Each structure stands twice: as structure tokens, then as C-alpha cells.
Amino acid sequence: MDSKSNQSPTARILVEFLEVAITSVVFLKGVYPSDAFERRRYMNVVVQRARHPQLRDYIHSAVSGLLPFIEKGLVERVAVIFFNTNNIPLERFIFKLAMDPSYGSKVEEGDLEFSLRSFLVKLSVSEGLTKVLPRDCRWEITAYFRSLPRVSISKDADLWIPTDTKQWQQPPLITPIKSMSSEPLSVQLYLEHPSLSEPKPQEKKIL
């Protein structure tokens, strides 16, 4: 039996959307040359697809590994975090998720895709809301869970490991980008930047 037949259609569409949206964020921030991406059409919107196999596989594997957790309603937020050389976050794109796992297959896929499509359109014109990043920055995908199952629920899920990402000491500045609220899925996309009162990291001095 095809394993996809047992998947929640809402979770499947959301995971596909996250893969495209995260690629759009990385393209937007200019971390890689523009020719590292190629134009594709998804949900009737022109989007970017990573051409480099390692970059494409990292995004795909990370997001696909979240599918069993999303189906159970365990994933609260998915973040794309950009760091400086001291591993201090400079900017975070947050996808805040709320999905009703009991909704089953009653969702209208066309309506759901129409709502998610507006996020991709909004992302493509959001560069003005973001910060210019240093050339030597790095980035990663981080997921925040409401709770974790005691036993691994899929092979893909084993790709996820606890993070030691540094956190800001002060509440961040939040810039909303887009939100939707419907049954069975609600999504909020917003930017987080360090507060103006955030302590600056102390530079190490060599005596």
C-alpha cells in the first residue's frame, strides 16, 4: 500500500509549502549567488528552486522529517535562523503552525493551497523588511515542538537532533509578514530581530 495514502493531506501540503517557502527565504536573503537557484512554478506562483543538490537535499530532508510530527500536531514553529560568526542569531523567519490532526481528509485542498499561495507572493516582496546580512553568516532550519514523542515515529524524524542554538536575552522585535486562520490549519509568518536593548557580545581580547 502506498504510504502517501495514509498521510494527512493538510500535513502533506503544508510540508511541500514549507520546503518552497524556506527556499524562498534563503534566496531572498542572498546567502548564495542568484544562479544557485532556478525559477519554477508552484501553486501557480513563480518561485525559486535550489539547483545545488546538497542545498536542495538539506531543505527537503529537514522539512520532510517534520511530516510525522506535523501530522500529530506536535510542531509549533519552524524557523529559518541566520547567524553571525559568533553563532549569535541575527534574524529569524518564523512559521508558527497550528493544525487540527483530527480533521482527517475533509480539507478542501484547493482552498488550502490558495491561502498558502499568498505567503509565497508576500515573501517575494518582503526584502525591505529584512536586514542586510554579513557575507560570512550561516543559517539553519530549527523546529520547536509542543512536546516530543518518547519513541521515534519515523526514520526521517531521526534526522532531527536537539539544538544548542544561542538565544537572545531580551524579547525580540517582531515584524508580521502574513497570516491565515482556517480549519484545519492556521499559519503565521513573521520576522524576529534582536531588541535594541539586547546586550552586545563581548569581543575576546588577546593579552
N, C-alpha and C. Protein backbone atom coordinates (compact mmCIF):
# COMPACT_ATOMS: atom_id res chain seq x y z
N MET A 1 0.84 -1.19 0.00
CA MET A 1 0.00 0.00 0.00
C MET A 1 0.88 1.24 0.00
N ASP A 2 0.51 2.26 -0.79
CA ASP A 2 1.27 3.49 -0.86
C ASP A 2 1.18 4.22 0.47
N SER A 3 2.35 4.56 1.05
CA SER A 3 2.36 5.22 2.35
C SER A 3 1.70 6.59 2.29
N LYS A 4 1.68 7.21 1.10
CA LYS A 4 1.07 8.53 0.98
C LYS A 4 -0.43 8.48 1.21
N SER A 5 -1.04 7.31 0.97
CA SER A 5 -2.48 7.20 1.15
C SER A 5 -2.87 7.34 2.62
N ASN A 6 -1.92 7.11 3.53
CA ASN A 6 -2.20 7.23 4.95
C ASN A 6 -1.83 8.61 5.50
N GLN A 7 -1.26 9.47 4.66
CA GLN A 7 -0.84 10.77 5.12
C GLN A 7 -2.01 11.74 5.18
N SER A 8 -1.95 12.65 6.12
CA SER A 8 -2.91 13.74 6.19
C SER A 8 -2.68 14.66 5.00
N PRO A 9 -3.70 14.95 4.18
CA PRO A 9 -3.49 15.85 3.04
C PRO A 9 -3.06 17.24 3.48
N THR A 10 -3.58 17.69 4.63
CA THR A 10 -3.19 19.01 5.13
C THR A 10 -1.71 19.03 5.48
N ALA A 11 -1.23 18.01 6.19
CA ALA A 11 0.18 17.94 6.57
C ALA A 11 1.07 17.84 5.34
N ARG A 12 0.64 17.04 4.37
CA ARG A 12 1.45 16.87 3.15
C ARG A 12 1.59 18.20 2.40
N ILE A 13 0.47 18.92 2.23
CA ILE A 13 0.51 20.21 1.54
C ILE A 13 1.35 21.21 2.32
N LEU A 14 1.22 21.20 3.65
CA LEU A 14 1.99 22.13 4.48
C LEU A 14 3.48 21.87 4.37
N VAL A 15 3.89 20.60 4.36
CA VAL A 15 5.31 20.27 4.25
C VAL A 15 5.85 20.70 2.88
N GLU A 16 5.10 20.45 1.83
CA GLU A 16 5.52 20.90 0.49
C GLU A 16 5.66 22.42 0.46
N PHE A 17 4.69 23.10 1.06
CA PHE A 17 4.73 24.56 1.12
C PHE A 17 5.95 25.06 1.88
N LEU A 18 6.24 24.45 3.03
CA LEU A 18 7.38 24.88 3.84
C LEU A 18 8.70 24.73 3.08
N GLU A 19 8.83 23.65 2.33
CA GLU A 19 10.05 23.44 1.55
C GLU A 19 10.24 24.57 0.54
N VAL A 20 9.17 24.95 -0.14
CA VAL A 20 9.26 26.03 -1.13
C VAL A 20 9.48 27.37 -0.43
N ALA A 21 8.76 27.60 0.68
CA ALA A 21 8.86 28.88 1.37
C ALA A 21 10.25 29.08 1.98
N ILE A 22 10.82 28.03 2.55
CA ILE A 22 12.16 28.15 3.13
C ILE A 22 13.19 28.42 2.05
N THR A 23 13.06 27.76 0.90
CA THR A 23 13.95 28.05 -0.23
C THR A 23 13.81 29.51 -0.65
N SER A 24 12.58 30.03 -0.63
CA SER A 24 12.34 31.43 -0.99
C SER A 24 13.02 32.37 -0.01
N VAL A 25 13.00 32.02 1.28
CA VAL A 25 13.66 32.84 2.31
C VAL A 25 15.17 32.88 2.07
N VAL A 26 15.76 31.73 1.81
CA VAL A 26 17.21 31.66 1.59
C VAL A 26 17.59 32.45 0.34
N PHE A 27 16.78 32.35 -0.70
CA PHE A 27 17.03 33.13 -1.92
C PHE A 27 16.90 34.62 -1.63
N LEU A 28 15.86 34.99 -0.88
CA LEU A 28 15.60 36.39 -0.56
C LEU A 28 16.78 37.03 0.17
N LYS A 29 17.43 36.27 1.05
CA LYS A 29 18.49 36.82 1.87
C LYS A 29 19.83 36.89 1.13
N GLY A 30 19.93 36.33 -0.06
CA GLY A 30 21.14 36.45 -0.85
C GLY A 30 22.34 35.75 -0.26
N VAL A 31 22.10 34.68 0.48
CA VAL A 31 23.21 33.92 1.08
C VAL A 31 24.06 33.27 0.00
N TYR A 32 23.43 32.89 -1.10
CA TYR A 32 24.13 32.25 -2.21
C TYR A 32 23.93 33.10 -3.47
N PRO A 33 24.79 32.94 -4.47
CA PRO A 33 24.58 33.66 -5.74
C PRO A 33 23.22 33.32 -6.35
N SER A 34 22.66 34.27 -7.06
CA SER A 34 21.32 34.07 -7.62
C SER A 34 21.28 32.90 -8.60
N ASP A 35 22.44 32.60 -9.25
CA ASP A 35 22.43 31.49 -10.19
C ASP A 35 22.48 30.12 -9.50
N ALA A 36 22.49 30.12 -8.16
CA ALA A 36 22.37 28.86 -7.42
C ALA A 36 20.91 28.40 -7.34
N PHE A 37 20.02 29.21 -7.92
CA PHE A 37 18.59 28.90 -7.92
C PHE A 37 18.06 28.97 -9.34
N GLU A 38 16.93 28.32 -9.53
CA GLU A 38 16.26 28.38 -10.82
C GLU A 38 14.76 28.59 -10.60
N ARG A 39 14.14 29.26 -11.54
CA ARG A 39 12.72 29.58 -11.41
C ARG A 39 11.86 28.36 -11.69
N ARG A 40 10.85 28.19 -10.86
CA ARG A 40 9.87 27.12 -11.02
C ARG A 40 8.49 27.69 -10.73
N ARG A 41 7.47 26.95 -11.09
CA ARG A 41 6.10 27.38 -10.78
C ARG A 41 5.50 26.40 -9.77
N TYR A 42 4.98 26.94 -8.69
CA TYR A 42 4.36 26.13 -7.63
C TYR A 42 3.12 26.86 -7.15
N MET A 43 2.02 26.15 -7.07
CA MET A 43 0.74 26.76 -6.71
C MET A 43 0.42 27.97 -7.60
N ASN A 44 0.83 27.86 -8.86
CA ASN A 44 0.61 28.91 -9.86
C ASN A 44 1.34 30.21 -9.52
N VAL A 45 2.43 30.10 -8.77
CA VAL A 45 3.27 31.25 -8.43
C VAL A 45 4.69 30.92 -8.86
N VAL A 46 5.40 31.91 -9.41
CA VAL A 46 6.81 31.70 -9.76
C VAL A 46 7.63 31.72 -8.47
N VAL A 47 8.37 30.64 -8.21
CA VAL A 47 9.18 30.52 -7.00
C VAL A 47 10.60 30.11 -7.40
N GLN A 48 11.47 30.02 -6.40
CA GLN A 48 12.85 29.63 -6.63
C GLN A 48 13.09 28.20 -6.13
N ARG A 49 13.89 27.46 -6.89
CA ARG A 49 14.28 26.10 -6.50
C ARG A 49 15.80 26.03 -6.48
N ALA A 50 16.35 25.48 -5.41
CA ALA A 50 17.81 25.37 -5.30
C ALA A 50 18.35 24.41 -6.36
N ARG A 51 19.39 24.83 -7.06
CA ARG A 51 19.99 23.99 -8.10
C ARG A 51 21.03 23.04 -7.53
N HIS A 52 21.71 23.47 -6.44
CA HIS A 52 22.77 22.64 -5.87
C HIS A 52 22.14 21.47 -5.11
N PRO A 53 22.53 20.23 -5.42
CA PRO A 53 21.89 19.07 -4.78
C PRO A 53 21.98 19.07 -3.26
N GLN A 54 23.12 19.49 -2.69
CA GLN A 54 23.26 19.46 -1.23
C GLN A 54 22.33 20.45 -0.56
N LEU A 55 22.21 21.64 -1.12
CA LEU A 55 21.31 22.64 -0.56
C LEU A 55 19.86 22.17 -0.68
N ARG A 56 19.53 21.68 -1.87
CA ARG A 56 18.16 21.22 -2.09
C ARG A 56 17.81 20.05 -1.18
N ASP A 57 18.76 19.11 -1.02
CA ASP A 57 18.51 17.93 -0.19
C ASP A 57 18.42 18.28 1.29
N TYR A 58 19.22 19.26 1.73
CA TYR A 58 19.15 19.67 3.14
C TYR A 58 17.76 20.21 3.47
N ILE A 59 17.26 21.11 2.64
CA ILE A 59 15.93 21.69 2.90
C ILE A 59 14.86 20.62 2.81
N HIS A 60 14.94 19.78 1.77
CA HIS A 60 13.92 18.74 1.58
C HIS A 60 13.92 17.74 2.74
N SER A 61 15.11 17.27 3.12
CA SER A 61 15.19 16.26 4.17
C SER A 61 14.73 16.81 5.52
N ALA A 62 15.14 18.06 5.82
CA ALA A 62 14.76 18.65 7.09
C ALA A 62 13.25 18.79 7.20
N VAL A 63 12.63 19.32 6.16
CA VAL A 63 11.18 19.56 6.22
C VAL A 63 10.41 18.25 6.14
N SER A 64 10.85 17.33 5.29
CA SER A 64 10.18 16.04 5.18
C SER A 64 10.22 15.28 6.51
N GLY A 65 11.32 15.46 7.25
CA GLY A 65 11.44 14.81 8.55
C GLY A 65 10.44 15.31 9.57
N LEU A 66 9.84 16.47 9.30
CA LEU A 66 8.84 17.02 10.21
C LEU A 66 7.44 16.46 9.97
N LEU A 67 7.23 15.80 8.82
CA LEU A 67 5.88 15.36 8.46
C LEU A 67 5.18 14.55 9.55
N PRO A 68 5.80 13.51 10.11
CA PRO A 68 5.08 12.73 11.13
C PRO A 68 4.76 13.54 12.38
N PHE A 69 5.62 14.52 12.71
CA PHE A 69 5.34 15.38 13.86
C PHE A 69 4.21 16.35 13.57
N ILE A 70 4.20 16.90 12.34
CA ILE A 70 3.14 17.83 11.95
C ILE A 70 1.80 17.11 11.94
N GLU A 71 1.79 15.87 11.44
CA GLU A 71 0.54 15.11 11.41
C GLU A 71 -0.06 14.92 12.80
N LYS A 72 0.79 14.85 13.81
CA LYS A 72 0.32 14.67 15.18
C LYS A 72 0.12 15.99 15.92
N GLY A 73 0.32 17.11 15.20
CA GLY A 73 0.11 18.41 15.82
C GLY A 73 1.18 18.79 16.82
N LEU A 74 2.38 18.22 16.69
CA LEU A 74 3.43 18.45 17.68
C LEU A 74 4.34 19.63 17.36
N VAL A 75 4.33 20.09 16.10
CA VAL A 75 5.24 21.17 15.70
C VAL A 75 4.56 22.52 15.91
N GLU A 76 5.20 23.35 16.72
CA GLU A 76 4.64 24.67 17.00
C GLU A 76 5.19 25.73 16.05
N ARG A 77 6.51 25.69 15.80
CA ARG A 77 7.15 26.69 14.95
C ARG A 77 8.27 26.05 14.14
N VAL A 78 8.45 26.55 12.93
CA VAL A 78 9.61 26.20 12.11
C VAL A 78 10.31 27.51 11.80
N ALA A 79 11.61 27.56 12.08
CA ALA A 79 12.36 28.81 11.94
C ALA A 79 13.52 28.64 10.97
N VAL A 80 13.76 29.69 10.19
CA VAL A 80 14.98 29.81 9.40
C VAL A 80 15.81 30.89 10.09
N ILE A 81 16.94 30.49 10.67
CA ILE A 81 17.73 31.38 11.51
C ILE A 81 19.07 31.68 10.84
N PHE A 82 19.41 32.96 10.80
CA PHE A 82 20.68 33.41 10.23
C PHE A 82 21.57 33.89 11.38
N PHE A 83 22.84 33.44 11.38
CA PHE A 83 23.77 33.70 12.47
C PHE A 83 24.98 34.48 11.99
N ASN A 84 25.63 35.17 12.94
CA ASN A 84 26.94 35.76 12.65
C ASN A 84 28.03 34.76 12.98
N THR A 85 29.28 35.18 12.91
CA THR A 85 30.39 34.25 13.13
C THR A 85 30.51 33.80 14.58
N ASN A 86 29.85 34.52 15.50
CA ASN A 86 29.84 34.11 16.91
C ASN A 86 28.66 33.21 17.24
N ASN A 87 27.95 32.77 16.19
CA ASN A 87 26.75 31.93 16.35
C ASN A 87 25.63 32.63 17.10
N ILE A 88 25.60 33.95 17.03
CA ILE A 88 24.51 34.73 17.61
C ILE A 88 23.48 34.97 16.50
N PRO A 89 22.19 34.69 16.76
CA PRO A 89 21.18 34.92 15.72
C PRO A 89 21.10 36.39 15.33
N LEU A 90 21.05 36.65 14.04
CA LEU A 90 20.88 38.00 13.51
C LEU A 90 19.45 38.25 13.09
N GLU A 91 18.79 37.20 12.61
CA GLU A 91 17.45 37.34 12.06
C GLU A 91 16.80 35.96 12.01
N ARG A 92 15.51 35.94 12.33
CA ARG A 92 14.78 34.66 12.31
C ARG A 92 13.46 34.84 11.55
N PHE A 93 13.25 34.00 10.56
CA PHE A 93 11.95 33.89 9.91
C PHE A 93 11.20 32.76 10.60
N ILE A 94 10.04 33.07 11.15
CA ILE A 94 9.28 32.10 11.94
C ILE A 94 7.97 31.75 11.23
N PHE A 95 7.76 30.45 11.04
CA PHE A 95 6.46 29.94 10.59
C PHE A 95 5.79 29.31 11.81
N LYS A 96 4.78 29.96 12.34
CA LYS A 96 4.07 29.43 13.51
C LYS A 96 2.86 28.65 13.01
N LEU A 97 2.75 27.41 13.46
CA LEU A 97 1.76 26.47 12.91
C LEU A 97 0.76 26.03 13.98
N ALA A 98 -0.46 25.83 13.55
CA ALA A 98 -1.47 25.20 14.40
C ALA A 98 -2.36 24.37 13.48
N MET A 99 -2.34 23.06 13.67
CA MET A 99 -3.11 22.15 12.81
C MET A 99 -3.93 21.20 13.66
N ASP A 100 -5.17 20.98 13.25
CA ASP A 100 -6.05 20.05 13.95
C ASP A 100 -5.86 18.66 13.34
N PRO A 101 -5.18 17.74 14.05
CA PRO A 101 -4.93 16.41 13.48
C PRO A 101 -6.18 15.59 13.27
N SER A 102 -7.27 15.94 13.95
CA SER A 102 -8.49 15.14 13.86
C SER A 102 -9.34 15.49 12.64
N TYR A 103 -8.88 16.47 11.86
CA TYR A 103 -9.70 16.94 10.74
C TYR A 103 -9.77 15.92 9.60
N GLY A 104 -8.72 15.07 9.53
CA GLY A 104 -8.74 14.00 8.54
C GLY A 104 -8.63 14.51 7.11
N SER A 105 -9.35 13.86 6.21
CA SER A 105 -9.25 14.16 4.78
C SER A 105 -10.37 15.08 4.30
N LYS A 106 -11.04 15.77 5.22
CA LYS A 106 -12.18 16.60 4.84
C LYS A 106 -11.76 17.96 4.28
N VAL A 107 -10.47 18.25 4.31
CA VAL A 107 -10.00 19.55 3.86
C VAL A 107 -10.14 19.71 2.36
N GLU A 108 -10.48 20.93 1.93
CA GLU A 108 -10.52 21.27 0.51
C GLU A 108 -9.12 21.71 0.11
N GLU A 109 -8.41 20.84 -0.61
CA GLU A 109 -7.01 21.12 -0.94
C GLU A 109 -6.86 22.41 -1.74
N GLY A 110 -7.80 22.67 -2.64
CA GLY A 110 -7.72 23.89 -3.45
C GLY A 110 -7.80 25.14 -2.60
N ASP A 111 -8.68 25.15 -1.60
CA ASP A 111 -8.81 26.31 -0.72
C ASP A 111 -7.54 26.49 0.11
N LEU A 112 -6.98 25.38 0.59
CA LEU A 112 -5.77 25.45 1.40
C LEU A 112 -4.60 25.97 0.58
N GLU A 113 -4.44 25.49 -0.62
CA GLU A 113 -3.35 25.94 -1.49
C GLU A 113 -3.51 27.42 -1.83
N PHE A 114 -4.76 27.84 -2.03
CA PHE A 114 -5.00 29.27 -2.35
C PHE A 114 -4.54 30.15 -1.20
N SER A 115 -4.81 29.73 0.04
CA SER A 115 -4.41 30.51 1.21
C SER A 115 -2.89 30.53 1.37
N LEU A 116 -2.25 29.39 1.16
CA LEU A 116 -0.79 29.31 1.32
C LEU A 116 -0.06 30.05 0.20
N ARG A 117 -0.67 30.11 -0.97
CA ARG A 117 -0.04 30.79 -2.11
C ARG A 117 0.23 32.26 -1.77
N SER A 118 -0.64 32.87 -1.00
CA SER A 118 -0.47 34.29 -0.67
C SER A 118 0.80 34.53 0.15
N PHE A 119 1.25 33.52 0.92
CA PHE A 119 2.50 33.65 1.66
C PHE A 119 3.68 33.76 0.71
N LEU A 120 3.68 32.95 -0.35
CA LEU A 120 4.78 32.97 -1.31
C LEU A 120 4.83 34.29 -2.05
N VAL A 121 3.67 34.84 -2.37
CA VAL A 121 3.62 36.15 -3.03
C VAL A 121 4.17 37.22 -2.09
N LYS A 122 3.75 37.17 -0.83
CA LYS A 122 4.19 38.17 0.14
C LYS A 122 5.70 38.07 0.40
N LEU A 123 6.21 36.85 0.49
CA LEU A 123 7.65 36.66 0.72
C LEU A 123 8.48 37.30 -0.38
N SER A 124 8.01 37.19 -1.61
CA SER A 124 8.80 37.67 -2.74
C SER A 124 8.99 39.18 -2.73
N VAL A 125 8.18 39.90 -1.94
CA VAL A 125 8.30 41.36 -1.89
C VAL A 125 8.63 41.84 -0.47
N SER A 126 9.23 40.96 0.33
CA SER A 126 9.49 41.29 1.74
C SER A 126 10.93 41.67 2.03
N GLU A 127 11.75 41.83 1.01
CA GLU A 127 13.17 42.10 1.25
C GLU A 127 13.37 43.37 2.07
N GLY A 128 12.50 44.37 1.86
CA GLY A 128 12.63 45.63 2.57
C GLY A 128 12.43 45.52 4.07
N LEU A 129 11.81 44.43 4.53
CA LEU A 129 11.58 44.23 5.96
C LEU A 129 12.77 43.61 6.67
N THR A 130 13.71 43.10 5.89
CA THR A 130 14.79 42.30 6.45
C THR A 130 16.08 43.11 6.60
N LYS A 131 17.04 42.53 7.30
CA LYS A 131 18.34 43.15 7.49
C LYS A 131 19.33 42.66 6.43
N VAL A 132 20.30 43.50 6.13
CA VAL A 132 21.41 43.07 5.28
C VAL A 132 22.34 42.21 6.12
N LEU A 133 22.64 41.02 5.65
CA LEU A 133 23.45 40.08 6.41
C LEU A 133 24.92 40.17 6.01
N PRO A 134 25.83 39.91 6.95
CA PRO A 134 27.25 39.86 6.58
C PRO A 134 27.53 38.68 5.67
N ARG A 135 28.59 38.77 4.89
CA ARG A 135 28.89 37.72 3.92
C ARG A 135 29.23 36.39 4.57
N ASP A 136 29.79 36.45 5.77
CA ASP A 136 30.24 35.22 6.42
C ASP A 136 29.18 34.64 7.36
N CYS A 137 27.92 35.01 7.18
CA CYS A 137 26.88 34.46 8.03
C CYS A 137 26.58 33.01 7.63
N ARG A 138 25.92 32.30 8.53
CA ARG A 138 25.44 30.95 8.22
C ARG A 138 23.98 30.87 8.61
N TRP A 139 23.32 29.78 8.24
CA TRP A 139 21.90 29.65 8.55
C TRP A 139 21.56 28.20 8.81
N GLU A 140 20.41 27.99 9.45
CA GLU A 140 19.93 26.63 9.70
C GLU A 140 18.42 26.65 9.85
N ILE A 141 17.83 25.46 9.72
CA ILE A 141 16.40 25.27 9.96
C ILE A 141 16.23 24.67 11.36
N THR A 142 15.39 25.29 12.17
CA THR A 142 15.15 24.82 13.53
C THR A 142 13.66 24.65 13.72
N ALA A 143 13.26 23.56 14.35
CA ALA A 143 11.85 23.31 14.66
C ALA A 143 11.65 23.34 16.16
N TYR A 144 10.54 23.93 16.59
CA TYR A 144 10.18 23.99 18.00
C TYR A 144 8.92 23.16 18.20
N PHE A 145 8.99 22.23 19.15
CA PHE A 145 7.91 21.27 19.35
C PHE A 145 7.10 21.59 20.60
N ARG A 146 5.81 21.33 20.53
CA ARG A 146 4.97 21.44 21.72
C ARG A 146 5.34 20.36 22.73
N SER A 147 5.59 19.18 22.23
CA SER A 147 6.08 18.08 23.05
C SER A 147 6.70 17.06 22.11
N LEU A 148 7.58 16.21 22.63
CA LEU A 148 8.25 15.21 21.82
C LEU A 148 7.76 13.82 22.17
N PRO A 149 7.52 12.97 21.16
CA PRO A 149 7.18 11.58 21.45
C PRO A 149 8.36 10.87 22.08
N ARG A 150 8.09 9.90 22.93
CA ARG A 150 9.17 9.19 23.62
C ARG A 150 9.95 8.30 22.66
N VAL A 151 9.27 7.78 21.65
CA VAL A 151 9.92 6.88 20.69
C VAL A 151 9.85 7.52 19.32
N SER A 152 10.94 7.36 18.56
CA SER A 152 10.95 7.91 17.21
C SER A 152 9.80 7.33 16.40
N ILE A 153 9.12 8.20 15.65
CA ILE A 153 7.95 7.76 14.91
C ILE A 153 8.20 7.62 13.42
N SER A 154 9.40 7.89 12.97
CA SER A 154 9.73 7.64 11.57
C SER A 154 11.24 7.71 11.40
N LYS A 155 11.72 7.10 10.32
CA LYS A 155 13.15 7.14 10.01
C LYS A 155 13.59 8.57 9.72
N ASP A 156 12.75 9.33 8.98
CA ASP A 156 13.09 10.71 8.65
C ASP A 156 13.20 11.56 9.91
N ALA A 157 12.35 11.27 10.89
CA ALA A 157 12.36 12.06 12.12
C ALA A 157 13.69 11.93 12.85
N ASP A 158 14.40 10.84 12.63
CA ASP A 158 15.70 10.64 13.30
C ASP A 158 16.73 11.67 12.84
N LEU A 159 16.46 12.38 11.73
CA LEU A 159 17.38 13.39 11.24
C LEU A 159 17.42 14.60 12.17
N TRP A 160 16.36 14.78 12.97
CA TRP A 160 16.27 15.93 13.85
C TRP A 160 16.98 15.64 15.16
N ILE A 161 17.83 16.57 15.58
CA ILE A 161 18.59 16.43 16.82
C ILE A 161 18.37 17.68 17.67
N PRO A 162 18.53 17.59 19.00
CA PRO A 162 18.40 18.79 19.85
C PRO A 162 19.41 19.85 19.43
N THR A 163 19.00 21.11 19.51
CA THR A 163 19.86 22.20 19.07
C THR A 163 20.51 22.90 20.26
N ASP A 164 21.68 23.45 20.03
CA ASP A 164 22.34 24.27 21.04
C ASP A 164 22.39 25.73 20.58
N THR A 165 21.43 26.10 19.75
CA THR A 165 21.36 27.45 19.22
C THR A 165 21.27 28.47 20.36
N LYS A 166 22.10 29.51 20.27
CA LYS A 166 22.05 30.56 21.28
C LYS A 166 20.76 31.37 21.14
N GLN A 167 20.24 31.82 22.27
CA GLN A 167 19.01 32.58 22.28
C GLN A 167 19.30 34.02 22.68
N TRP A 168 18.42 34.93 22.25
CA TRP A 168 18.53 36.32 22.69
C TRP A 168 18.11 36.43 24.15
N GLN A 169 18.72 37.35 24.87
CA GLN A 169 18.40 37.52 26.28
C GLN A 169 17.16 38.38 26.48
N GLN A 170 16.84 39.24 25.50
CA GLN A 170 15.67 40.11 25.58
C GLN A 170 14.63 39.66 24.56
N PRO A 171 13.34 39.93 24.83
CA PRO A 171 12.30 39.60 23.84
C PRO A 171 12.61 40.26 22.51
N PRO A 172 12.44 39.55 21.40
CA PRO A 172 12.82 40.10 20.10
C PRO A 172 11.83 41.13 19.58
N LEU A 173 12.27 41.90 18.60
CA LEU A 173 11.38 42.76 17.83
C LEU A 173 10.70 41.91 16.77
N ILE A 174 9.40 42.01 16.66
CA ILE A 174 8.63 41.15 15.75
C ILE A 174 8.00 41.99 14.65
N THR A 175 8.18 41.54 13.41
CA THR A 175 7.56 42.17 12.25
C THR A 175 6.66 41.15 11.55
N PRO A 176 5.34 41.31 11.61
CA PRO A 176 4.44 40.37 10.92
C PRO A 176 4.61 40.47 9.41
N ILE A 177 4.52 39.33 8.74
CA ILE A 177 4.59 39.30 7.28
C ILE A 177 3.25 38.85 6.69
N LYS A 178 2.73 37.71 7.19
CA LYS A 178 1.48 37.18 6.64
C LYS A 178 0.89 36.18 7.62
N SER A 179 -0.44 36.07 7.64
CA SER A 179 -1.08 35.08 8.49
C SER A 179 -2.36 34.58 7.83
N MET A 180 -2.75 33.38 8.20
CA MET A 180 -4.02 32.81 7.76
C MET A 180 -4.58 31.99 8.90
N SER A 181 -5.89 31.94 9.01
CA SER A 181 -6.53 31.15 10.05
C SER A 181 -7.78 30.51 9.48
N SER A 182 -7.78 29.19 9.42
CA SER A 182 -8.92 28.46 8.89
C SER A 182 -8.90 27.06 9.48
N GLU A 183 -9.89 26.27 9.14
CA GLU A 183 -9.89 24.87 9.55
C GLU A 183 -9.36 24.03 8.40
N PRO A 184 -8.41 23.14 8.67
CA PRO A 184 -7.86 22.76 9.97
C PRO A 184 -6.49 23.37 10.26
N LEU A 185 -6.11 24.45 9.55
CA LEU A 185 -4.73 24.93 9.62
C LEU A 185 -4.69 26.44 9.81
N SER A 186 -3.82 26.86 10.73
CA SER A 186 -3.50 28.27 10.89
C SER A 186 -1.99 28.44 10.77
N VAL A 187 -1.57 29.47 10.05
CA VAL A 187 -0.14 29.74 9.85
C VAL A 187 0.11 31.22 10.05
N GLN A 188 1.16 31.54 10.79
CA GLN A 188 1.64 32.91 10.91
C GLN A 188 3.10 32.94 10.47
N LEU A 189 3.44 33.93 9.66
CA LEU A 189 4.82 34.13 9.24
C LEU A 189 5.25 35.51 9.72
N TYR A 190 6.35 35.54 10.49
CA TYR A 190 6.84 36.83 10.97
C TYR A 190 8.35 36.79 11.11
N LEU A 191 8.93 37.99 11.20
CA LEU A 191 10.37 38.16 11.36
C LEU A 191 10.69 38.49 12.81
N GLU A 192 11.80 37.98 13.29
CA GLU A 192 12.30 38.36 14.60
C GLU A 192 13.70 38.94 14.46
N HIS A 193 13.91 40.08 15.10
CA HIS A 193 15.22 40.71 15.17
C HIS A 193 15.57 40.96 16.63
N PRO A 194 16.86 41.03 16.98
CA PRO A 194 17.21 41.30 18.37
C PRO A 194 16.73 42.67 18.82
N SER A 195 16.31 42.75 20.07
CA SER A 195 15.88 44.02 20.66
C SER A 195 17.02 45.02 20.65
N LEU A 196 16.66 46.31 20.63
CA LEU A 196 17.69 47.35 20.68
C LEU A 196 18.44 47.32 22.00
N SER A 197 17.81 46.72 23.02
CA SER A 197 18.46 46.62 24.34
C SER A 197 19.20 45.30 24.53
N GLU A 198 19.26 44.51 23.46
CA GLU A 198 19.96 43.23 23.55
C GLU A 198 21.44 43.47 23.81
N PRO A 199 22.01 42.82 24.85
CA PRO A 199 23.44 43.01 25.13
C PRO A 199 24.31 42.59 23.94
N LYS A 200 25.31 43.41 23.66
CA LYS A 200 26.23 43.11 22.57
C LYS A 200 27.24 42.06 23.05
N PRO A 201 27.57 41.07 22.19
CA PRO A 201 28.56 40.07 22.60
C PRO A 201 29.93 40.71 22.84
N GLN A 202 30.59 40.28 23.89
CA GLN A 202 31.90 40.83 24.22
C GLN A 202 32.96 40.20 23.32
N GLU A 203 33.78 41.03 22.73
CA GLU A 203 34.86 40.51 21.88
C GLU A 203 35.98 39.98 22.76
N LYS A 204 36.52 38.85 22.35
CA LYS A 204 37.63 38.26 23.09
C LYS A 204 38.94 39.03 22.82
N LYS A 205 39.61 39.38 23.89
CA LYS A 205 40.87 40.11 23.74
C LYS A 205 42.04 39.19 24.00
N ILE A 206 43.04 39.32 23.18
CA ILE A 206 44.25 38.52 23.33
C ILE A 206 45.29 39.34 24.08
N LEU A 207 45.75 38.83 25.21
CA LEU A 207 46.74 39.55 26.02
C LEU A 207 48.15 39.20 25.56
